[in-house]
Amino acid sequence: MRIKRLAPHTFDLVAADTRLGAQARDMARAVLVDGRAQADVATEYGMSRQRVNLAVAAIERAYVKLAAPGESSIRFELELPEALALELSALAEALVQCPDAERRGAAIEKVLAAARSGRKRLST
């Protein structure tokens, strides 16, 4: 899984589950939080692009480990009303931060039920 961006608090949560040193964390943060190119970060830190890529990959692996067994995620783009997009983004962040798999599952079921109900209302 390739992560494009992480919120700062999500990055900190995920990075805490790694053994990355301070410099490697800083490089990964520059890519995943600040959105900088790996090549630019490598140049700034005097490292190879491969080193930066390894740091980013360590964060990606830790991010995947945070998901409970049996849960999966996909990434896609949708055009949504702004309010809905913001709520879904906040929900996704809350799901990542919640350590309780049962609570995450219950929240997902409620959201799915609401989405199905909304779709039915629109199709009648």
PDB file of N, CA and C in Angstrom:
ATOM      1  N   MET A   1       0.840  -1.175   0.000  1.00  0.00           N
ATOM      2  CA  MET A   1       0.000   0.000   0.000  1.00  0.00           C
ATOM      3  C   MET A   1       0.885   1.238   0.000  1.00  0.00           C
ATOM      4  N   ARG A   2       0.591   2.158  -0.870  1.00  0.00           N
ATOM      5  CA  ARG A   2       1.330   3.411  -0.925  1.00  0.00           C
ATOM      6  C   ARG A   2       0.491   4.498  -0.279  1.00  0.00           C
ATOM      7  N   ILE A   3       1.029   5.139   0.725  1.00  0.00           N
ATOM      8  CA  ILE A   3       0.338   6.237   1.395  1.00  0.00           C
ATOM      9  C   ILE A   3       0.776   7.528   0.734  1.00  0.00           C
ATOM     10  N   LYS A   4      -0.200   8.339   0.364  1.00  0.00           N
ATOM     11  CA  LYS A   4       0.142   9.619  -0.248  1.00  0.00           C
ATOM     12  C   LYS A   4       0.381  10.688   0.812  1.00  0.00           C
ATOM     13  N   ARG A   5      -0.532  10.813   1.769  1.00  0.00           N
ATOM     14  CA  ARG A   5      -0.396  11.822   2.820  1.00  0.00           C
ATOM     15  C   ARG A   5      -0.957  11.292   4.122  1.00  0.00           C
ATOM     16  N   LEU A   6      -0.411  11.772   5.230  1.00  0.00           N
ATOM     17  CA  LEU A   6      -0.929  11.478   6.559  1.00  0.00           C
ATOM     18  C   LEU A   6      -1.056  12.782   7.327  1.00  0.00           C
ATOM     19  N   ALA A   7      -2.060  12.863   8.161  1.00  0.00           N
ATOM     20  CA  ALA A   7      -2.177  13.998   9.068  1.00  0.00           C
ATOM     21  C   ALA A   7      -1.045  13.902  10.088  1.00  0.00           C
ATOM     22  N   PRO A   8      -0.583  15.035  10.604  1.00  0.00           N
ATOM     23  CA  PRO A   8       0.539  14.997  11.560  1.00  0.00           C
ATOM     24  C   PRO A   8       0.286  14.084  12.757  1.00  0.00           C
ATOM     25  N   HIS A   9      -0.901  14.136  13.347  1.00  0.00           N
ATOM     26  CA  HIS A   9      -1.172  13.301  14.522  1.00  0.00           C
ATOM     27  C   HIS A   9      -1.218  11.819  14.148  1.00  0.00           C
ATOM     28  N   THR A  10      -1.688  11.504  12.946  1.00  0.00           N
ATOM     29  CA  THR A  10      -1.702  10.118  12.490  1.00  0.00           C
ATOM     30  C   THR A  10      -0.272   9.632  12.272  1.00  0.00           C
ATOM     31  N   PHE A  11       0.542  10.478  11.663  1.00  0.00           N
ATOM     32  CA  PHE A  11       1.948  10.117  11.454  1.00  0.00           C
ATOM     33  C   PHE A  11       2.617   9.809  12.790  1.00  0.00           C
ATOM     34  N   ASP A  12       2.402  10.673  13.795  1.00  0.00           N
ATOM     35  CA  ASP A  12       3.023  10.463  15.104  1.00  0.00           C
ATOM     36  C   ASP A  12       2.579   9.148  15.726  1.00  0.00           C
ATOM     37  N   LEU A  13       1.296   8.830  15.604  1.00  0.00           N
ATOM     38  CA  LEU A  13       0.761   7.578  16.135  1.00  0.00           C
ATOM     39  C   LEU A  13       1.418   6.379  15.452  1.00  0.00           C
ATOM     40  N   VAL A  14       1.527   6.445  14.138  1.00  0.00           N
ATOM     41  CA  VAL A  14       2.105   5.344  13.369  1.00  0.00           C
ATOM     42  C   VAL A  14       3.611   5.245  13.623  1.00  0.00           C
ATOM     43  N   ALA A  15       4.303   6.376  13.626  1.00  0.00           N
ATOM     44  CA  ALA A  15       5.762   6.375  13.802  1.00  0.00           C
ATOM     45  C   ALA A  15       6.163   5.828  15.165  1.00  0.00           C
ATOM     46  N   ALA A  16       5.300   6.001  16.160  1.00  0.00           N
ATOM     47  CA  ALA A  16       5.598   5.482  17.496  1.00  0.00           C
ATOM     48  C   ALA A  16       5.679   3.961  17.498  1.00  0.00           C
ATOM     49  N   ASP A  17       5.092   3.327  16.486  1.00  0.00           N
ATOM     50  CA  ASP A  17       5.088   1.871  16.395  1.00  0.00           C
ATOM     51  C   ASP A  17       6.245   1.352  15.539  1.00  0.00           C
ATOM     52  N   THR A  18       7.240   2.199  15.300  1.00  0.00           N
ATOM     53  CA  THR A  18       8.406   1.802  14.501  1.00  0.00           C
ATOM     54  C   THR A  18       9.672   1.971  15.332  1.00  0.00           C
ATOM     55  N   ARG A  19      10.759   1.482  14.773  1.00  0.00           N
ATOM     56  CA  ARG A  19      12.062   1.666  15.426  1.00  0.00           C
ATOM     57  C   ARG A  19      12.904   2.679  14.662  1.00  0.00           C
ATOM     58  N   LEU A  20      12.269   3.533  13.900  1.00  0.00           N
ATOM     59  CA  LEU A  20      13.002   4.533  13.128  1.00  0.00           C
ATOM     60  C   LEU A  20      13.691   5.523  14.055  1.00  0.00           C
ATOM     61  N   GLY A  21      14.901   5.912  13.670  1.00  0.00           N
ATOM     62  CA  GLY A  21      15.608   6.955  14.397  1.00  0.00           C
ATOM     63  C   GLY A  21      15.018   8.320  14.054  1.00  0.00           C
ATOM     64  N   ALA A  22      15.482   9.327  14.749  1.00  0.00           N
ATOM     65  CA  ALA A  22      14.941  10.678  14.584  1.00  0.00           C
ATOM     66  C   ALA A  22      15.083  11.184  13.147  1.00  0.00           C
ATOM     67  N   GLN A  23      16.238  10.977  12.543  1.00  0.00           N
ATOM     68  CA  GLN A  23      16.456  11.476  11.192  1.00  0.00           C
ATOM     69  C   GLN A  23      15.556  10.752  10.189  1.00  0.00           C
ATOM     70  N   ALA A  24      15.426   9.452  10.322  1.00  0.00           N
ATOM     71  CA  ALA A  24      14.559   8.691   9.414  1.00  0.00           C
ATOM     72  C   ALA A  24      13.108   9.130   9.577  1.00  0.00           C
ATOM     73  N   ARG A  25      12.678   9.361  10.811  1.00  0.00           N
ATOM     74  CA  ARG A  25      11.310   9.864  11.044  1.00  0.00           C
ATOM     75  C   ARG A  25      11.117  11.223  10.392  1.00  0.00           C
ATOM     76  N   ASP A  26      12.112  12.081  10.549  1.00  0.00           N
ATOM     77  CA  ASP A  26      12.012  13.421   9.945  1.00  0.00           C
ATOM     78  C   ASP A  26      11.902  13.335   8.426  1.00  0.00           C
ATOM     79  N   MET A  27      12.668  12.429   7.834  1.00  0.00           N
ATOM     80  CA  MET A  27      12.606  12.277   6.375  1.00  0.00           C
ATOM     81  C   MET A  27      11.240  11.747   5.951  1.00  0.00           C
ATOM     82  N   ALA A  28      10.745  10.736   6.661  1.00  0.00           N
ATOM     83  CA  ALA A  28       9.433  10.175   6.327  1.00  0.00           C
ATOM     84  C   ALA A  28       8.340  11.217   6.531  1.00  0.00           C
ATOM     85  N   ARG A  29       8.441  12.011   7.600  1.00  0.00           N
ATOM     86  CA  ARG A  29       7.459  13.072   7.861  1.00  0.00           C
ATOM     87  C   ARG A  29       7.458  14.101   6.730  1.00  0.00           C
ATOM     88  N   ALA A  30       8.640  14.450   6.248  1.00  0.00           N
ATOM     89  CA  ALA A  30       8.728  15.432   5.165  1.00  0.00           C
ATOM     90  C   ALA A  30       7.983  14.945   3.925  1.00  0.00           C
ATOM     91  N   VAL A  31       8.044  13.648   3.677  1.00  0.00           N
ATOM     92  CA  VAL A  31       7.370  13.074   2.504  1.00  0.00           C
ATOM     93  C   VAL A  31       5.879  12.898   2.765  1.00  0.00           C
ATOM     94  N   LEU A  32       5.538  12.248   3.878  1.00  0.00           N
ATOM     95  CA  LEU A  32       4.154  11.832   4.106  1.00  0.00           C
ATOM     96  C   LEU A  32       3.259  12.900   4.722  1.00  0.00           C
ATOM     97  N   VAL A  33       3.815  13.804   5.488  1.00  0.00           N
ATOM     98  CA  VAL A  33       3.005  14.860   6.096  1.00  0.00           C
ATOM     99  C   VAL A  33       3.105  16.147   5.291  1.00  0.00           C
ATOM    100  N   ASP A  34       4.345  16.517   4.946  1.00  0.00           N
ATOM    101  CA  ASP A  34       4.554  17.777   4.229  1.00  0.00           C
ATOM    102  C   ASP A  34       4.337  17.658   2.729  1.00  0.00           C
ATOM    103  N   GLY A  35       4.312  16.431   2.215  1.00  0.00           N
ATOM    104  CA  GLY A  35       4.054  16.219   0.792  1.00  0.00           C
ATOM    105  C   GLY A  35       5.229  16.521  -0.115  1.00  0.00           C
ATOM    106  N   ARG A  36       6.431  16.464   0.422  1.00  0.00           N
ATOM    107  CA  ARG A  36       7.614  16.759  -0.386  1.00  0.00           C
ATOM    108  C   ARG A  36       8.051  15.535  -1.170  1.00  0.00           C
ATOM    109  N   ALA A  37       8.764  15.766  -2.247  1.00  0.00           N
ATOM    110  CA  ALA A  37       9.272  14.676  -3.085  1.00  0.00           C
ATOM    111  C   ALA A  37      10.424  13.979  -2.369  1.00  0.00           C
ATOM    112  N   GLN A  38      10.478  12.646  -2.513  1.00  0.00           N
ATOM    113  CA  GLN A  38      11.544  11.883  -1.869  1.00  0.00           C
ATOM    114  C   GLN A  38      12.923  12.341  -2.331  1.00  0.00           C
ATOM    115  N   ALA A  39      13.063  12.665  -3.592  1.00  0.00           N
ATOM    116  CA  ALA A  39      14.365  13.108  -4.115  1.00  0.00           C
ATOM    117  C   ALA A  39      14.808  14.406  -3.431  1.00  0.00           C
ATOM    118  N   ASP A  40      13.873  15.329  -3.213  1.00  0.00           N
ATOM    119  CA  ASP A  40      14.209  16.593  -2.544  1.00  0.00           C
ATOM    120  C   ASP A  40      14.611  16.360  -1.091  1.00  0.00           C
ATOM    121  N   VAL A  41      13.892  15.477  -0.425  1.00  0.00           N
ATOM    122  CA  VAL A  41      14.205  15.157   0.966  1.00  0.00           C
ATOM    123  C   VAL A  41      15.572  14.486   1.053  1.00  0.00           C
ATOM    124  N   ALA A  42      15.860  13.579   0.130  1.00  0.00           N
ATOM    125  CA  ALA A  42      17.160  12.904   0.118  1.00  0.00           C
ATOM    126  C   ALA A  42      18.288  13.913  -0.040  1.00  0.00           C
ATOM    127  N   THR A  43      18.122  14.849  -0.935  1.00  0.00           N
ATOM    128  CA  THR A  43      19.139  15.877  -1.155  1.00  0.00           C
ATOM    129  C   THR A  43      19.329  16.715   0.108  1.00  0.00           C
ATOM    130  N   GLU A  44      18.241  17.140   0.716  1.00  0.00           N
ATOM    131  CA  GLU A  44      18.318  17.973   1.923  1.00  0.00           C
ATOM    132  C   GLU A  44      19.059  17.267   3.054  1.00  0.00           C
ATOM    133  N   TYR A  45      18.805  15.979   3.230  1.00  0.00           N
ATOM    134  CA  TYR A  45      19.413  15.232   4.331  1.00  0.00           C
ATOM    135  C   TYR A  45      20.739  14.572   3.957  1.00  0.00           C
ATOM    136  N   GLY A  46      21.161  14.720   2.695  1.00  0.00           N
ATOM    137  CA  GLY A  46      22.412  14.113   2.269  1.00  0.00           C
ATOM    138  C   GLY A  46      22.342  12.588   2.242  1.00  0.00           C
ATOM    139  N   MET A  47      21.172  12.077   1.949  1.00  0.00           N
ATOM    140  CA  MET A  47      20.941  10.637   1.908  1.00  0.00           C
ATOM    141  C   MET A  47      20.555  10.232   0.492  1.00  0.00           C
ATOM    142  N   SER A  48      20.558   8.932   0.247  1.00  0.00           N
ATOM    143  CA  SER A  48      20.097   8.443  -1.051  1.00  0.00           C
ATOM    144  C   SER A  48      18.568   8.402  -1.055  1.00  0.00           C
ATOM    145  N   ARG A  49      17.999   8.386  -2.252  1.00  0.00           N
ATOM    146  CA  ARG A  49      16.535   8.259  -2.362  1.00  0.00           C
ATOM    147  C   ARG A  49      16.080   6.926  -1.769  1.00  0.00           C
ATOM    148  N   GLN A  50      16.930   5.910  -1.887  1.00  0.00           N
ATOM    149  CA  GLN A  50      16.587   4.606  -1.336  1.00  0.00           C
ATOM    150  C   GLN A  50      16.421   4.670   0.187  1.00  0.00           C
ATOM    151  N   ARG A  51      17.283   5.435   0.860  1.00  0.00           N
ATOM    152  CA  ARG A  51      17.176   5.591   2.323  1.00  0.00           C
ATOM    153  C   ARG A  51      15.853   6.250   2.692  1.00  0.00           C
ATOM    154  N   VAL A  52      15.501   7.289   1.950  1.00  0.00           N
ATOM    155  CA  VAL A  52      14.229   7.971   2.211  1.00  0.00           C
ATOM    156  C   VAL A  52      13.079   7.003   1.953  1.00  0.00           C
ATOM    157  N   ASN A  53      13.178   6.254   0.860  1.00  0.00           N
ATOM    158  CA  ASN A  53      12.133   5.295   0.526  1.00  0.00           C
ATOM    159  C   ASN A  53      11.995   4.232   1.619  1.00  0.00           C
ATOM    160  N   LEU A  54      13.093   3.785   2.200  1.00  0.00           N
ATOM    161  CA  LEU A  54      13.040   2.805   3.287  1.00  0.00           C
ATOM    162  C   LEU A  54      12.326   3.376   4.515  1.00  0.00           C
ATOM    163  N   ALA A  55      12.581   4.631   4.825  1.00  0.00           N
ATOM    164  CA  ALA A  55      11.917   5.274   5.970  1.00  0.00           C
ATOM    165  C   ALA A  55      10.416   5.383   5.722  1.00  0.00           C
ATOM    166  N   VAL A  56      10.049   5.793   4.518  1.00  0.00           N
ATOM    167  CA  VAL A  56       8.633   5.905   4.162  1.00  0.00           C
ATOM    168  C   VAL A  56       7.981   4.520   4.209  1.00  0.00           C
ATOM    169  N   ALA A  57       8.674   3.511   3.699  1.00  0.00           N
ATOM    170  CA  ALA A  57       8.128   2.148   3.694  1.00  0.00           C
ATOM    171  C   ALA A  57       7.916   1.632   5.113  1.00  0.00           C
ATOM    172  N   ALA A  58       8.796   1.990   6.037  1.00  0.00           N
ATOM    173  CA  ALA A  58       8.632   1.562   7.430  1.00  0.00           C
ATOM    174  C   ALA A  58       7.356   2.152   8.024  1.00  0.00           C
ATOM    175  N   ILE A  59       7.066   3.400   7.705  1.00  0.00           N
ATOM    176  CA  ILE A  59       5.830   4.040   8.179  1.00  0.00           C
ATOM    177  C   ILE A  59       4.623   3.364   7.536  1.00  0.00           C
ATOM    178  N   GLU A  60       4.716   3.068   6.244  1.00  0.00           N
ATOM    179  CA  GLU A  60       3.606   2.398   5.559  1.00  0.00           C
ATOM    180  C   GLU A  60       3.311   1.042   6.182  1.00  0.00           C
ATOM    181  N   ARG A  61       4.357   0.275   6.502  1.00  0.00           N
ATOM    182  CA  ARG A  61       4.154  -1.035   7.131  1.00  0.00           C
ATOM    183  C   ARG A  61       3.489  -0.882   8.501  1.00  0.00           C
ATOM    184  N   ALA A  62       3.937   0.091   9.269  1.00  0.00           N
ATOM    185  CA  ALA A  62       3.351   0.320  10.594  1.00  0.00           C
ATOM    186  C   ALA A  62       1.896   0.767  10.472  1.00  0.00           C
ATOM    187  N   TYR A  63       1.603   1.546   9.455  1.00  0.00           N
ATOM    188  CA  TYR A  63       0.233   2.009   9.221  1.00  0.00           C
ATOM    189  C   TYR A  63      -0.683   0.817   8.942  1.00  0.00           C
ATOM    190  N   VAL A  64      -0.221  -0.117   8.123  1.00  0.00           N
ATOM    191  CA  VAL A  64      -0.993  -1.311   7.797  1.00  0.00           C
ATOM    192  C   VAL A  64      -1.197  -2.160   9.052  1.00  0.00           C
ATOM    193  N   LYS A  65      -0.177  -2.257   9.912  1.00  0.00           N
ATOM    194  CA  LYS A  65      -0.291  -3.046  11.136  1.00  0.00           C
ATOM    195  C   LYS A  65      -1.359  -2.511  12.076  1.00  0.00           C
ATOM    196  N   LEU A  66      -1.633  -1.209  12.028  1.00  0.00           N
ATOM    197  CA  LEU A  66      -2.637  -0.620  12.908  1.00  0.00           C
ATOM    198  C   LEU A  66      -4.043  -1.093  12.577  1.00  0.00           C
ATOM    199  N   ALA A  67      -4.264  -1.496  11.332  1.00  0.00           N
ATOM    200  CA  ALA A  67      -5.584  -1.999  10.954  1.00  0.00           C
ATOM    201  C   ALA A  67      -5.785  -3.356  11.615  1.00  0.00           C
ATOM    202  N   ALA A  68      -6.970  -3.573  12.110  1.00  0.00           N
ATOM    203  CA  ALA A  68      -7.272  -4.854  12.766  1.00  0.00           C
ATOM    204  C   ALA A  68      -7.286  -5.968  11.735  1.00  0.00           C
ATOM    205  N   PRO A  69      -6.977  -7.180  12.129  1.00  0.00           N
ATOM    206  CA  PRO A  69      -7.042  -8.304  11.197  1.00  0.00           C
ATOM    207  C   PRO A  69      -8.436  -8.407  10.585  1.00  0.00           C
ATOM    208  N   GLY A  70      -8.470  -8.665   9.296  1.00  0.00           N
ATOM    209  CA  GLY A  70      -9.752  -8.775   8.606  1.00  0.00           C
ATOM    210  C   GLY A  70     -10.250  -7.465   8.044  1.00  0.00           C
ATOM    211  N   GLU A  71      -9.680  -6.353   8.486  1.00  0.00           N
ATOM    212  CA  GLU A  71     -10.070  -5.067   7.934  1.00  0.00           C
ATOM    213  C   GLU A  71      -9.140  -4.762   6.772  1.00  0.00           C
ATOM    214  N   SER A  72      -9.676  -4.153   5.765  1.00  0.00           N
ATOM    215  CA  SER A  72      -8.839  -3.739   4.657  1.00  0.00           C
ATOM    216  C   SER A  72      -9.275  -2.350   4.232  1.00  0.00           C
ATOM    217  N   SER A  73      -8.454  -1.706   3.467  1.00  0.00           N
ATOM    218  CA  SER A  73      -8.813  -0.380   2.993  1.00  0.00           C
ATOM    219  C   SER A  73      -8.397  -0.253   1.536  1.00  0.00           C
ATOM    220  N   ILE A  74      -9.093   0.599   0.836  1.00  0.00           N
ATOM    221  CA  ILE A  74      -8.747   0.918  -0.538  1.00  0.00           C
ATOM    222  C   ILE A  74      -8.692   2.428  -0.673  1.00  0.00           C
ATOM    223  N   ARG A  75      -7.992   2.888  -1.672  1.00  0.00           N
ATOM    224  CA  ARG A  75      -7.869   4.327  -1.905  1.00  0.00           C
ATOM    225  C   ARG A  75      -8.473   4.623  -3.270  1.00  0.00           C
ATOM    226  N   PHE A  76      -9.336   5.630  -3.308  1.00  0.00           N
ATOM    227  CA  PHE A  76      -9.916   6.050  -4.572  1.00  0.00           C
ATOM    228  C   PHE A  76     -10.333   7.496  -4.454  1.00  0.00           C
ATOM    229  N   GLU A  77     -10.643   8.095  -5.579  1.00  0.00           N
ATOM    230  CA  GLU A  77     -11.050   9.498  -5.605  1.00  0.00           C
ATOM    231  C   GLU A  77     -12.517   9.599  -5.985  1.00  0.00           C
ATOM    232  N   LEU A  78     -13.223  10.500  -5.326  1.00  0.00           N
ATOM    233  CA  LEU A  78     -14.619  10.788  -5.611  1.00  0.00           C
ATOM    234  C   LEU A  78     -14.829  12.289  -5.603  1.00  0.00           C
ATOM    235  N   GLU A  79     -15.771  12.731  -6.376  1.00  0.00           N
ATOM    236  CA  GLU A  79     -16.210  14.119  -6.261  1.00  0.00           C
ATOM    237  C   GLU A  79     -17.407  14.124  -5.335  1.00  0.00           C
ATOM    238  N   LEU A  80     -17.278  14.829  -4.213  1.00  0.00           N
ATOM    239  CA  LEU A  80     -18.316  14.867  -3.192  1.00  0.00           C
ATOM    240  C   LEU A  80     -18.595  16.298  -2.783  1.00  0.00           C
ATOM    241  N   PRO A  81     -19.787  16.552  -2.256  1.00  0.00           N
ATOM    242  CA  PRO A  81     -20.009  17.861  -1.641  1.00  0.00           C
ATOM    243  C   PRO A  81     -18.983  18.065  -0.525  1.00  0.00           C
ATOM    244  N   GLU A  82     -18.529  19.281  -0.362  1.00  0.00           N
ATOM    245  CA  GLU A  82     -17.449  19.565   0.578  1.00  0.00           C
ATOM    246  C   GLU A  82     -17.750  19.065   1.991  1.00  0.00           C
ATOM    247  N   ALA A  83     -18.950  19.311   2.484  1.00  0.00           N
ATOM    248  CA  ALA A  83     -19.282  18.903   3.851  1.00  0.00           C
ATOM    249  C   ALA A  83     -19.164  17.388   4.015  1.00  0.00           C
ATOM    250  N   LEU A  84     -19.621  16.635   3.036  1.00  0.00           N
ATOM    251  CA  LEU A  84     -19.536  15.179   3.098  1.00  0.00           C
ATOM    252  C   LEU A  84     -18.084  14.717   3.037  1.00  0.00           C
ATOM    253  N   ALA A  85     -17.302  15.318   2.161  1.00  0.00           N
ATOM    254  CA  ALA A  85     -15.886  14.950   2.038  1.00  0.00           C
ATOM    255  C   ALA A  85     -15.143  15.199   3.346  1.00  0.00           C
ATOM    256  N   LEU A  86     -15.419  16.322   3.989  1.00  0.00           N
ATOM    257  CA  LEU A  86     -14.749  16.634   5.254  1.00  0.00           C
ATOM    258  C   LEU A  86     -15.134  15.651   6.350  1.00  0.00           C
ATOM    259  N   GLU A  87     -16.418  15.293   6.413  1.00  0.00           N
ATOM    260  CA  GLU A  87     -16.861  14.325   7.416  1.00  0.00           C
ATOM    261  C   GLU A  87     -16.250  12.949   7.179  1.00  0.00           C
ATOM    262  N   LEU A  88     -16.190  12.520   5.921  1.00  0.00           N
ATOM    263  CA  LEU A  88     -15.599  11.217   5.617  1.00  0.00           C
ATOM    264  C   LEU A  88     -14.103  11.206   5.935  1.00  0.00           C
ATOM    265  N   SER A  89     -13.440  12.306   5.666  1.00  0.00           N
ATOM    266  CA  SER A  89     -12.018  12.409   5.986  1.00  0.00           C
ATOM    267  C   SER A  89     -11.800  12.317   7.496  1.00  0.00           C
ATOM    268  N   ALA A  90     -12.625  13.030   8.251  1.00  0.00           N
ATOM    269  CA  ALA A  90     -12.513  12.992   9.714  1.00  0.00           C
ATOM    270  C   ALA A  90     -12.818  11.587  10.238  1.00  0.00           C
ATOM    271  N   LEU A  91     -13.791  10.923   9.641  1.00  0.00           N
ATOM    272  CA  LEU A  91     -14.118   9.557  10.041  1.00  0.00           C
ATOM    273  C   LEU A  91     -12.938   8.623   9.776  1.00  0.00           C
ATOM    274  N   ALA A  92     -12.322   8.758   8.609  1.00  0.00           N
ATOM    275  CA  ALA A  92     -11.176   7.905   8.276  1.00  0.00           C
ATOM    276  C   ALA A  92     -10.041   8.095   9.278  1.00  0.00           C
ATOM    277  N   GLU A  93      -9.777   9.324   9.660  1.00  0.00           N
ATOM    278  CA  GLU A  93      -8.722   9.589  10.649  1.00  0.00           C
ATOM    279  C   GLU A  93      -9.086   8.986  11.999  1.00  0.00           C
ATOM    280  N   ALA A  94     -10.362   9.126  12.406  1.00  0.00           N
ATOM    281  CA  ALA A  94     -10.800   8.563  13.687  1.00  0.00           C
ATOM    282  C   ALA A  94     -10.678   7.043  13.682  1.00  0.00           C
ATOM    283  N   LEU A  95     -10.984   6.414  12.565  1.00  0.00           N
ATOM    284  CA  LEU A  95     -10.860   4.962  12.460  1.00  0.00           C
ATOM    285  C   LEU A  95      -9.410   4.522  12.628  1.00  0.00           C
ATOM    286  N   VAL A  96      -8.493   5.268  12.037  1.00  0.00           N
ATOM    287  CA  VAL A  96      -7.074   4.930  12.142  1.00  0.00           C
ATOM    288  C   VAL A  96      -6.596   5.068  13.588  1.00  0.00           C
ATOM    289  N   GLN A  97      -7.104   6.073  14.287  1.00  0.00           N
ATOM    290  CA  GLN A  97      -6.632   6.348  15.644  1.00  0.00           C
ATOM    291  C   GLN A  97      -7.256   5.445  16.701  1.00  0.00           C
ATOM    292  N   CYS A  98      -8.414   4.877  16.419  1.00  0.00           N
ATOM    293  CA  CYS A  98      -9.122   4.064  17.413  1.00  0.00           C
ATOM    294  C   CYS A  98      -8.475   2.680  17.538  1.00  0.00           C
ATOM    295  N   PRO A  99      -8.004   2.323  18.733  1.00  0.00           N
ATOM    296  CA  PRO A  99      -7.363   1.022  18.893  1.00  0.00           C
ATOM    297  C   PRO A  99      -8.353  -0.133  19.069  1.00  0.00           C
ATOM    298  N   ASP A 100      -9.623   0.168  19.308  1.00  0.00           N
ATOM    299  CA  ASP A 100     -10.630  -0.855  19.594  1.00  0.00           C
ATOM    300  C   ASP A 100     -11.312  -1.324  18.307  1.00  0.00           C
ATOM    301  N   ALA A 101     -10.987  -2.545  17.866  1.00  0.00           N
ATOM    302  CA  ALA A 101     -11.528  -3.083  16.616  1.00  0.00           C
ATOM    303  C   ALA A 101     -13.046  -3.190  16.657  1.00  0.00           C
ATOM    304  N   GLU A 102     -13.603  -3.509  17.815  1.00  0.00           N
ATOM    305  CA  GLU A 102     -15.065  -3.635  17.933  1.00  0.00           C
ATOM    306  C   GLU A 102     -15.751  -2.286  17.714  1.00  0.00           C
ATOM    307  N   ARG A 103     -15.197  -1.242  18.294  1.00  0.00           N
ATOM    308  CA  ARG A 103     -15.762   0.104  18.102  1.00  0.00           C
ATOM    309  C   ARG A 103     -15.642   0.554  16.656  1.00  0.00           C
ATOM    310  N   ARG A 104     -14.474   0.250  16.020  1.00  0.00           N
ATOM    311  CA  ARG A 104     -14.308   0.607  14.608  1.00  0.00           C
ATOM    312  C   ARG A 104     -15.353  -0.106  13.758  1.00  0.00           C
ATOM    313  N   GLY A 105     -15.541  -1.401  14.011  1.00  0.00           N
ATOM    314  CA  GLY A 105     -16.516  -2.172  13.253  1.00  0.00           C
ATOM    315  C   GLY A 105     -17.927  -1.634  13.415  1.00  0.00           C
ATOM    316  N   ALA A 106     -18.300  -1.295  14.649  1.00  0.00           N
ATOM    317  CA  ALA A 106     -19.639  -0.754  14.911  1.00  0.00           C
ATOM    318  C   ALA A 106     -19.839   0.584  14.191  1.00  0.00           C
ATOM    319  N   ALA A 107     -18.817   1.414  14.212  1.00  0.00           N
ATOM    320  CA  ALA A 107     -18.920   2.714  13.533  1.00  0.00           C
ATOM    321  C   ALA A 107     -19.074   2.522  12.027  1.00  0.00           C
ATOM    322  N   ILE A 108     -18.311   1.611  11.463  1.00  0.00           N
ATOM    323  CA  ILE A 108     -18.399   1.349  10.021  1.00  0.00           C
ATOM    324  C   ILE A 108     -19.783   0.834   9.659  1.00  0.00           C
ATOM    325  N   GLU A 109     -20.342  -0.059  10.475  1.00  0.00           N
ATOM    326  CA  GLU A 109     -21.685  -0.590  10.206  1.00  0.00           C
ATOM    327  C   GLU A 109     -22.728   0.521  10.222  1.00  0.00           C
ATOM    328  N   LYS A 110     -22.619   1.463  11.158  1.00  0.00           N
ATOM    329  CA  LYS A 110     -23.576   2.576  11.222  1.00  0.00           C
ATOM    330  C   LYS A 110     -23.465   3.468   9.984  1.00  0.00           C
ATOM    331  N   VAL A 111     -22.246   3.736   9.570  1.00  0.00           N
ATOM    332  CA  VAL A 111     -22.040   4.571   8.386  1.00  0.00           C
ATOM    333  C   VAL A 111     -22.581   3.863   7.142  1.00  0.00           C
ATOM    334  N   LEU A 112     -22.336   2.578   7.023  1.00  0.00           N
ATOM    335  CA  LEU A 112     -22.840   1.821   5.881  1.00  0.00           C
ATOM    336  C   LEU A 112     -24.370   1.826   5.854  1.00  0.00           C
ATOM    337  N   ALA A 113     -24.998   1.652   7.003  1.00  0.00           N
ATOM    338  CA  ALA A 113     -26.466   1.664   7.070  1.00  0.00           C
ATOM    339  C   ALA A 113     -27.005   3.026   6.653  1.00  0.00           C
ATOM    340  N   ALA A 114     -26.365   4.086   7.108  1.00  0.00           N
ATOM    341  CA  ALA A 114     -26.811   5.441   6.736  1.00  0.00           C
ATOM    342  C   ALA A 114     -26.620   5.684   5.240  1.00  0.00           C
ATOM    343  N   ALA A 115     -25.523   5.200   4.683  1.00  0.00           N
ATOM    344  CA  ALA A 115     -25.276   5.377   3.247  1.00  0.00           C
ATOM    345  C   ALA A 115     -26.309   4.616   2.423  1.00  0.00           C
ATOM    346  N   ARG A 116     -26.629   3.404   2.843  1.00  0.00           N
ATOM    347  CA  ARG A 116     -27.645   2.620   2.122  1.00  0.00           C
ATOM    348  C   ARG A 116     -29.007   3.303   2.185  1.00  0.00           C
ATOM    349  N   SER A 117     -29.345   3.815   3.352  1.00  0.00           N
ATOM    350  CA  SER A 117     -30.631   4.507   3.520  1.00  0.00           C
ATOM    351  C   SER A 117     -30.677   5.751   2.635  1.00  0.00           C
ATOM    352  N   GLY A 118     -29.609   6.506   2.607  1.00  0.00           N
ATOM    353  CA  GLY A 118     -29.552   7.702   1.763  1.00  0.00           C
ATOM    354  C   GLY A 118     -29.679   7.370   0.289  1.00  0.00           C
ATOM    355  N   ARG A 119     -29.005   6.310  -0.130  1.00  0.00           N
ATOM    356  CA  ARG A 119     -29.087   5.882  -1.529  1.00  0.00           C
ATOM    357  C   ARG A 119     -30.510   5.482  -1.896  1.00  0.00           C
ATOM    358  N   LYS A 120     -31.191   4.765  -1.001  1.00  0.00           N
ATOM    359  CA  LYS A 120     -32.579   4.368  -1.256  1.00  0.00           C
ATOM    360  C   LYS A 120     -33.489   5.573  -1.396  1.00  0.00           C
ATOM    361  N   ARG A 121     -33.287   6.568  -0.548  1.00  0.00           N
ATOM    362  CA  ARG A 121     -34.096   7.797  -0.616  1.00  0.00           C
ATOM    363  C   ARG A 121     -33.910   8.520  -1.952  1.00  0.00           C
ATOM    364  N   LEU A 122     -32.714   8.470  -2.465  1.00  0.00           N
ATOM    365  CA  LEU A 122     -32.429   9.159  -3.724  1.00  0.00           C
ATOM    366  C   LEU A 122     -32.951   8.389  -4.936  1.00  0.00           C
ATOM    367  N   SER A 123     -33.085   7.086  -4.814  1.00  0.00           N
ATOM    368  CA  SER A 123     -33.505   6.292  -5.972  1.00  0.00           C
ATOM    369  C   SER A 123     -35.024   6.143  -6.083  1.00  0.00           C
ATOM    370  N   THR A 124     -35.781   6.635  -5.117  1.00  0.00           N
ATOM    371  CA  THR A 124     -37.240   6.514  -5.197  1.00  0.00           C
ATOM    372  C   THR A 124     -37.885   7.770  -5.692  1.00  0.00           C
TER     373      THR A 124
END
